[in-house]
Amino acid sequence: MTRVLVVRAAARLEIEEAAEWYEIREPDLGVAFIEAVEAIFGRIERTPQQFAPMNTREPYRRALVARFPYHVFFEVLEDRVVVIAVAHERRRPGYWRARHRANPDRT
C-alpha cells in the first residue's frame, strides 16, 4: 500500500531554518541539507516500516538524515505518513511530542 507523505508546516519551517543556517556557513551546504532531507523523505514514503518504532508506548518512528545531525520524526497512519518534526539531534530533545499532542487529528 502506498501512503502519501504529509510534512507538517512546522517541520517545513525547521527544514528551511536549518538550510539557511548551513548556507550562511558554507555555500551550497544548505542545498545539500535539503537534498539529504528529501532523500530520507523518499525512503520514508516508500517503506516507512523499515524504521523501527521509537518505543512501545508511542507510535513515532525516527529516521536519520545522512551527513547532518538531524532526525525526522514521523507517524505511520493507514493512508499517510505524517512528518511531525525535523529536529537537530541534540537541541531540545522531545520538544516535538507536545506539538503532536496539540494536534489530535494527526494531520
Protein backbone atom coordinates (compact mmCIF):
# COMPACT_ATOMS: atom_id res chain seq x y z
CA MET A 1 0.00 0.00 0.00
CA THR A 2 1.35 3.40 -0.98
CA ARG A 3 0.91 6.13 1.58
CA VAL A 4 1.09 9.85 0.96
CA LEU A 5 3.85 11.71 2.78
CA VAL A 6 2.50 14.73 4.66
CA VAL A 7 5.02 17.19 6.06
CA ARG A 8 3.55 19.49 8.67
CA ALA A 9 4.15 23.21 8.31
CA ALA A 10 6.26 23.32 11.48
CA ALA A 11 8.56 20.63 10.09
CA ARG A 12 8.89 22.52 6.80
CA LEU A 13 9.89 25.61 8.75
CA GLU A 14 12.52 23.61 10.61
CA ILE A 15 13.97 22.46 7.30
CA GLU A 16 14.06 26.00 5.92
CA GLU A 17 15.70 27.42 9.05
CA ALA A 18 18.36 24.71 9.16
CA ALA A 19 19.09 25.10 5.44
CA GLU A 20 19.52 28.85 5.87
CA TRP A 21 21.86 28.29 8.82
CA TYR A 22 24.01 25.85 6.80
CA GLU A 23 24.01 28.09 3.73
CA ILE A 24 25.35 31.03 5.75
CA ARG A 25 28.23 28.90 7.00
CA GLU A 26 29.17 27.39 3.65
CA PRO A 27 27.84 27.99 0.13
CA ASP A 28 25.72 25.09 -1.15
CA LEU A 29 25.66 23.35 2.24
CA GLY A 30 22.05 24.44 2.72
CA VAL A 31 21.18 22.89 -0.63
CA ALA A 32 22.96 19.69 0.41
CA PHE A 33 20.91 19.63 3.61
CA ILE A 34 17.64 19.96 1.69
CA GLU A 35 18.71 17.19 -0.71
CA ALA A 36 19.55 14.90 2.23
CA VAL A 37 16.15 15.60 3.83
CA GLU A 38 14.34 14.94 0.54
CA ALA A 39 16.25 11.66 0.14
CA ILE A 40 15.18 10.41 3.57
CA PHE A 41 11.62 11.57 2.87
CA GLY A 42 11.66 9.34 -0.20
CA ARG A 43 12.78 6.35 1.84
CA ILE A 44 10.16 7.07 4.50
CA GLU A 45 7.39 7.36 1.92
CA ARG A 46 8.36 4.15 0.09
CA THR A 47 8.95 1.92 3.11
CA PRO A 48 8.14 3.59 6.43
CA GLN A 49 8.24 0.27 8.31
CA GLN A 50 11.99 -0.01 7.73
CA PHE A 51 12.32 2.50 10.58
CA ALA A 52 11.57 0.89 13.90
CA PRO A 53 9.14 2.48 16.36
CA MET A 54 10.95 4.53 19.00
CA ASN A 55 9.27 2.58 21.81
CA THR A 56 6.17 0.51 22.52
CA ARG A 57 4.17 3.34 24.12
CA GLU A 58 4.31 5.78 21.21
CA PRO A 59 3.54 5.49 17.50
CA TYR A 60 6.54 7.56 16.42
CA ARG A 61 9.40 6.45 14.25
CA ARG A 62 12.70 8.17 13.63
CA ALA A 63 14.92 8.38 10.56
CA LEU A 64 18.38 9.89 10.46
CA VAL A 65 19.29 12.50 7.85
CA ALA A 66 22.51 11.44 6.13
CA ARG A 67 25.53 13.67 6.72
CA PHE A 68 23.69 16.03 9.09
CA PRO A 69 22.83 15.76 12.80
CA TYR A 70 19.08 15.79 12.20
CA HIS A 71 16.30 13.28 12.74
CA VAL A 72 12.94 13.07 11.03
CA PHE A 73 10.17 12.11 13.45
CA PHE A 74 7.06 10.68 11.84
CA GLU A 75 3.99 8.57 12.36
CA VAL A 76 2.62 5.92 10.02
CA LEU A 77 -1.14 6.09 9.65
CA GLU A 78 -3.41 3.97 7.49
CA ASP A 79 -3.40 6.24 4.43
CA ARG A 80 -0.48 8.59 5.06
CA VAL A 81 2.85 9.12 6.77
CA VAL A 82 2.94 12.33 8.79
CA VAL A 83 6.26 14.07 9.39
CA ILE A 84 5.94 15.81 12.74
CA ALA A 85 9.42 17.31 13.05
CA VAL A 86 12.85 17.57 11.51
CA ALA A 87 14.90 18.10 14.64
CA HIS A 88 18.56 18.57 15.49
CA GLU A 89 19.71 15.51 17.40
CA ARG A 90 21.00 17.47 20.41
CA ARG A 91 18.79 20.54 20.69
CA ARG A 92 15.62 20.46 22.77
CA PRO A 93 15.10 16.69 22.81
CA GLY A 94 11.45 15.63 22.67
CA TYR A 95 10.00 19.12 22.09
CA TRP A 96 8.01 17.85 19.12
CA ARG A 97 5.93 15.50 21.29
CA ALA A 98 3.96 18.47 22.64
CA ARG A 99 3.45 19.68 19.08
CA HIS A 100 1.96 16.35 18.14
CA ARG A 101 -0.35 16.23 21.17
CA ALA A 102 -1.56 19.74 20.34
CA ASN A 103 -2.97 18.45 17.04
CA PRO A 104 -5.11 15.42 17.92
CA ASP A 105 -6.35 14.78 14.38
CA ARG A 106 -2.77 13.83 13.41
CA THR A 107 -2.72 15.53 10.04
